[in-house]
């Protein structure tokens, strides 16, 4: 930890929209604030597909086995994904959780989190193959 919050390498979207390490001023940057750290952690957790990380195949959300190709209602998806978000230190509550599934195996998840310090962050993440 640093200054009372967790540290992580800071990722920024590049010109093509993918995430790259932030190399500000020639150095690898760390998340400058706790809000940045929590936001980055949430976005990363939502994009990890269960079984994809070789060091811990239980980590991630079972999009392939539980979501894509199944007719799931929003309540089911909420119960699948919200515990993952709630397990992140610093997240106090989740509001306005909605999902939109497209026929091409893509899901868009939108919600707002309120962190322990009262700061609210909005998310809209699209996950698919």
Protein backbone atom coordinates (compact mmCIF):
# COMPACT_ATOMS: atom_id res chain seq x y z
CA UNK A 1 0.00 0.00 0.00
CA UNK A 2 1.00 3.61 -0.43
CA UNK A 3 -0.60 6.54 1.34
CA UNK A 4 -3.26 4.24 2.76
CA UNK A 5 -4.41 2.73 -0.54
CA UNK A 6 -3.41 -0.19 -2.70
CA UNK A 7 -1.01 0.34 -5.56
CA UNK A 8 -1.18 -1.07 -9.05
CA UNK A 9 0.39 -0.31 -12.38
CA UNK A 10 -1.68 2.35 -14.12
CA UNK A 11 -3.29 1.38 -17.42
CA UNK A 12 -4.47 3.87 -20.04
CA UNK A 13 -6.41 3.39 -23.26
CA UNK A 14 -4.21 3.79 -26.32
CA UNK A 15 -5.28 5.08 -29.75
CA UNK A 16 -6.82 1.72 -30.70
CA UNK A 17 -8.86 1.57 -27.48
CA UNK A 18 -6.88 -1.21 -25.80
CA UNK A 19 -5.15 -0.82 -22.46
CA UNK A 20 -1.40 -0.21 -22.18
CA UNK A 21 0.91 0.57 -19.31
CA UNK A 22 1.08 4.30 -18.66
CA UNK A 23 4.67 5.34 -19.36
CA UNK A 24 4.33 8.98 -18.31
CA UNK A 25 7.62 10.87 -18.29
CA UNK A 26 9.50 7.72 -19.28
CA UNK A 27 8.55 5.83 -16.11
CA UNK A 28 5.94 3.16 -15.51
CA UNK A 29 3.18 4.95 -13.60
CA UNK A 30 1.18 3.61 -10.67
CA UNK A 31 -2.48 4.44 -10.06
CA UNK A 32 -2.38 8.02 -8.77
CA UNK A 33 -5.46 7.78 -6.53
CA UNK A 34 -7.50 5.18 -4.69
CA UNK A 35 -10.42 5.93 -7.04
CA UNK A 36 -8.24 5.14 -10.06
CA UNK A 37 -7.05 1.93 -8.42
CA UNK A 38 -10.59 0.75 -7.60
CA UNK A 39 -11.94 1.71 -11.04
CA UNK A 40 -9.13 -0.15 -12.76
CA UNK A 41 -9.62 -3.19 -10.52
CA UNK A 42 -13.36 -3.29 -11.27
CA UNK A 43 -12.83 -3.00 -15.04
CA UNK A 44 -10.16 -5.72 -14.94
CA UNK A 45 -12.25 -8.11 -12.84
CA UNK A 46 -15.22 -7.76 -15.20
CA UNK A 47 -13.04 -8.69 -18.16
CA UNK A 48 -11.42 -11.80 -16.70
CA UNK A 49 -13.18 -14.85 -18.08
CA UNK A 50 -13.28 -17.82 -15.71
CA UNK A 51 -10.46 -20.26 -16.44
CA UNK A 52 -8.42 -17.78 -18.47
CA UNK A 53 -5.68 -16.93 -15.95
CA UNK A 54 -3.23 -19.83 -15.70
CA UNK A 55 -2.18 -19.04 -12.11
CA UNK A 56 -5.75 -19.33 -10.79
CA UNK A 57 -8.30 -20.83 -13.18
CA UNK A 58 -11.10 -20.30 -10.64
CA UNK A 59 -10.69 -16.53 -10.97
CA UNK A 60 -13.06 -14.71 -13.29
CA UNK A 61 -16.66 -14.65 -14.39
CA UNK A 62 -18.09 -17.71 -16.19
CA UNK A 63 -19.29 -15.85 -19.27
CA UNK A 64 -18.85 -18.86 -21.59
CA UNK A 65 -20.51 -21.43 -19.36
CA UNK A 66 -23.20 -19.28 -17.72
CA UNK A 67 -23.94 -16.25 -19.94
CA UNK A 68 -23.08 -16.44 -23.64
CA UNK A 69 -25.39 -18.71 -25.58
CA UNK A 70 -27.88 -18.96 -22.72
CA UNK A 71 -31.08 -16.98 -22.38
CA UNK A 72 -30.32 -15.43 -18.99
CA UNK A 73 -32.35 -12.70 -17.37
CA UNK A 74 -30.77 -9.64 -15.83
CA UNK A 75 -31.40 -10.90 -12.30
CA UNK A 76 -29.31 -14.02 -12.96
CA UNK A 77 -26.47 -11.99 -14.45
CA UNK A 78 -26.64 -9.51 -11.57
CA UNK A 79 -26.31 -12.38 -9.06
CA UNK A 80 -23.34 -13.71 -11.02
CA UNK A 81 -21.42 -10.44 -11.40
CA UNK A 82 -22.26 -8.22 -8.42
CA UNK A 83 -20.45 -10.39 -5.83
CA UNK A 84 -17.28 -10.03 -7.91
CA UNK A 85 -17.57 -6.23 -7.75
CA UNK A 86 -18.58 -6.22 -4.08
CA UNK A 87 -15.49 -8.28 -3.17
CA UNK A 88 -13.18 -5.43 -4.20
CA UNK A 89 -11.89 -3.51 -1.15
CA UNK A 90 -13.19 0.05 -1.12
CA UNK A 91 -16.52 -0.66 -2.87
CA UNK A 92 -19.39 0.22 -0.54
CA UNK A 93 -22.43 -0.17 -2.82
CA UNK A 94 -23.53 -0.80 -6.39
CA UNK A 95 -26.45 1.09 -7.94
CA UNK A 96 -28.31 1.14 -11.26
CA UNK A 97 -26.95 -2.22 -12.42
CA UNK A 98 -28.15 -3.07 -15.94
CA UNK A 99 -27.04 -5.45 -18.66
CA UNK A 100 -27.59 -5.62 -22.37
CA UNK A 101 -26.79 -8.80 -24.24
CA UNK A 102 -26.27 -8.86 -27.98
CA UNK A 103 -26.73 -11.93 -30.21
CA UNK A 104 -23.02 -11.94 -31.15
CA UNK A 105 -21.83 -13.17 -27.72
CA UNK A 106 -21.26 -9.75 -26.21
CA UNK A 107 -22.65 -8.28 -23.01
CA UNK A 108 -22.60 -4.66 -21.89
CA UNK A 109 -22.69 -4.11 -18.14
CA UNK A 110 -23.53 -0.67 -16.74
CA UNK A 111 -23.62 0.40 -13.09
CA UNK A 112 -22.48 2.95 -10.57
CA UNK A 113 -20.35 2.17 -7.54
CA UNK A 114 -20.07 4.22 -4.39
CA UNK A 115 -16.75 3.78 -2.65
CA UNK A 116 -16.07 3.84 1.08
CA UNK A 117 -15.00 7.49 0.81
CA UNK A 118 -18.34 8.44 -0.81
CA UNK A 119 -16.98 8.97 -4.32
CA UNK A 120 -19.29 7.58 -7.02
CA UNK A 121 -17.92 6.06 -10.22
CA UNK A 122 -19.93 5.08 -13.32
CA UNK A 123 -19.03 2.07 -15.43
CA UNK A 124 -20.02 0.75 -18.83
CA UNK A 125 -18.00 -2.29 -19.79
CA UNK A 126 -18.49 -4.43 -22.88
CA UNK A 127 -17.30 -8.02 -22.72
CA UNK A 128 -17.39 -10.51 -25.54
CA UNK A 129 -15.53 -12.68 -27.97
